[in-house]
């Protein structure tokens, strides 16, 4: 039972951000999303391993379902660094 709770918790509050500006970094994301609730894991912008440039997407993990839900409602489609971002609950591949 505990394993199911941990697995559920680890997936439910992790969000995927798409259409990020190539100039958006972790500091910008943290500043934009921490007002919606406690962030429990490092905010990550995914970068190309060769060039080091942003690939235009990233992740934010929130401490609670309420924080993730509020962020999704408030931030999906909003302008961040000149781009309208898209936000989803992240799913394991």
Protein backbone atom coordinates (compact mmCIF):
# COMPACT_ATOMS: atom_id res chain seq x y z
CA UNK A 1 0.00 0.00 0.00
CA UNK A 2 2.77 2.49 0.83
CA UNK A 3 4.40 1.84 -2.54
CA UNK A 4 1.18 2.81 -4.34
CA UNK A 5 0.91 6.02 -2.34
CA UNK A 6 4.52 6.98 -3.05
CA UNK A 7 4.11 6.19 -6.76
CA UNK A 8 0.82 8.13 -6.93
CA UNK A 9 2.33 11.09 -5.11
CA UNK A 10 5.48 11.17 -7.24
CA UNK A 11 3.50 11.35 -10.49
CA UNK A 12 0.45 13.39 -9.58
CA UNK A 13 2.11 16.64 -8.64
CA UNK A 14 4.81 16.72 -11.34
CA UNK A 15 3.95 19.06 -14.17
CA UNK A 16 5.29 19.29 -17.71
CA UNK A 17 5.81 22.69 -19.31
CA UNK A 18 5.97 22.99 -23.10
CA UNK A 19 6.57 25.84 -25.54
CA UNK A 20 9.12 27.48 -23.23
CA UNK A 21 11.24 30.24 -24.66
CA UNK A 22 14.77 29.09 -25.40
CA UNK A 23 15.85 31.90 -23.04
CA UNK A 24 13.79 30.59 -20.09
CA UNK A 25 15.93 29.11 -17.31
CA UNK A 26 15.27 27.42 -13.96
CA UNK A 27 15.29 30.72 -12.05
CA UNK A 28 12.57 32.17 -14.28
CA UNK A 29 10.42 29.04 -13.86
CA UNK A 30 10.90 28.92 -10.10
CA UNK A 31 9.96 32.59 -9.74
CA UNK A 32 6.88 32.15 -11.95
CA UNK A 33 5.55 29.01 -10.25
CA UNK A 34 6.49 29.20 -6.56
CA UNK A 35 3.63 31.64 -5.87
CA UNK A 36 1.21 28.78 -6.62
CA UNK A 37 2.56 26.56 -3.87
CA UNK A 38 5.61 24.81 -2.50
CA UNK A 39 7.93 23.34 -5.11
CA UNK A 40 9.47 20.12 -3.78
CA UNK A 41 11.99 19.25 -6.46
CA UNK A 42 14.39 21.30 -8.48
CA UNK A 43 12.71 23.04 -11.38
CA UNK A 44 14.23 21.64 -14.57
CA UNK A 45 14.58 23.07 -18.06
CA UNK A 46 15.63 20.27 -20.40
CA UNK A 47 18.70 21.12 -22.48
CA UNK A 48 20.41 19.49 -25.43
CA UNK A 49 23.38 17.51 -24.10
CA UNK A 50 25.65 18.58 -26.97
CA UNK A 51 24.87 22.29 -27.45
CA UNK A 52 23.61 23.04 -23.94
CA UNK A 53 20.67 24.98 -25.42
CA UNK A 54 17.15 24.64 -24.05
CA UNK A 55 14.91 22.16 -25.85
CA UNK A 56 11.83 24.27 -25.02
CA UNK A 57 10.31 22.17 -22.24
CA UNK A 58 10.74 21.53 -18.54
CA UNK A 59 9.26 20.19 -15.31
CA UNK A 60 8.05 21.53 -11.97
CA UNK A 61 7.05 19.24 -9.06
CA UNK A 62 4.70 20.63 -6.43
CA UNK A 63 4.24 19.52 -2.81
CA UNK A 64 0.45 19.25 -3.10
CA UNK A 65 -2.28 18.47 -5.58
CA UNK A 66 -3.85 21.84 -4.80
CA UNK A 67 -0.67 23.71 -5.73
CA UNK A 68 -0.27 21.79 -9.00
CA UNK A 69 -3.94 22.26 -9.87
CA UNK A 70 -3.82 25.99 -9.14
CA UNK A 71 -0.67 26.39 -11.24
CA UNK A 72 -2.29 24.50 -14.13
CA UNK A 73 -5.39 26.69 -14.01
CA UNK A 74 -3.49 29.94 -13.66
CA UNK A 75 -0.48 29.36 -15.91
CA UNK A 76 -1.57 27.16 -18.83
CA UNK A 77 -1.59 29.37 -21.92
CA UNK A 78 -0.01 32.33 -20.13
CA UNK A 79 2.84 34.43 -21.48
CA UNK A 80 6.26 33.64 -20.00
CA UNK A 81 9.42 35.10 -21.52
CA UNK A 82 7.50 36.07 -24.66
CA UNK A 83 5.85 32.66 -25.30
CA UNK A 84 2.45 31.28 -24.40
CA UNK A 85 3.37 28.18 -22.43
CA UNK A 86 1.39 24.95 -22.19
CA UNK A 87 1.21 23.06 -18.92
CA UNK A 88 0.14 19.46 -18.22
CA UNK A 89 0.40 16.84 -15.50
CA UNK A 90 3.53 14.82 -16.31
CA UNK A 91 3.17 11.09 -16.97
CA UNK A 92 5.85 8.45 -16.76
CA UNK A 93 6.94 7.11 -20.14
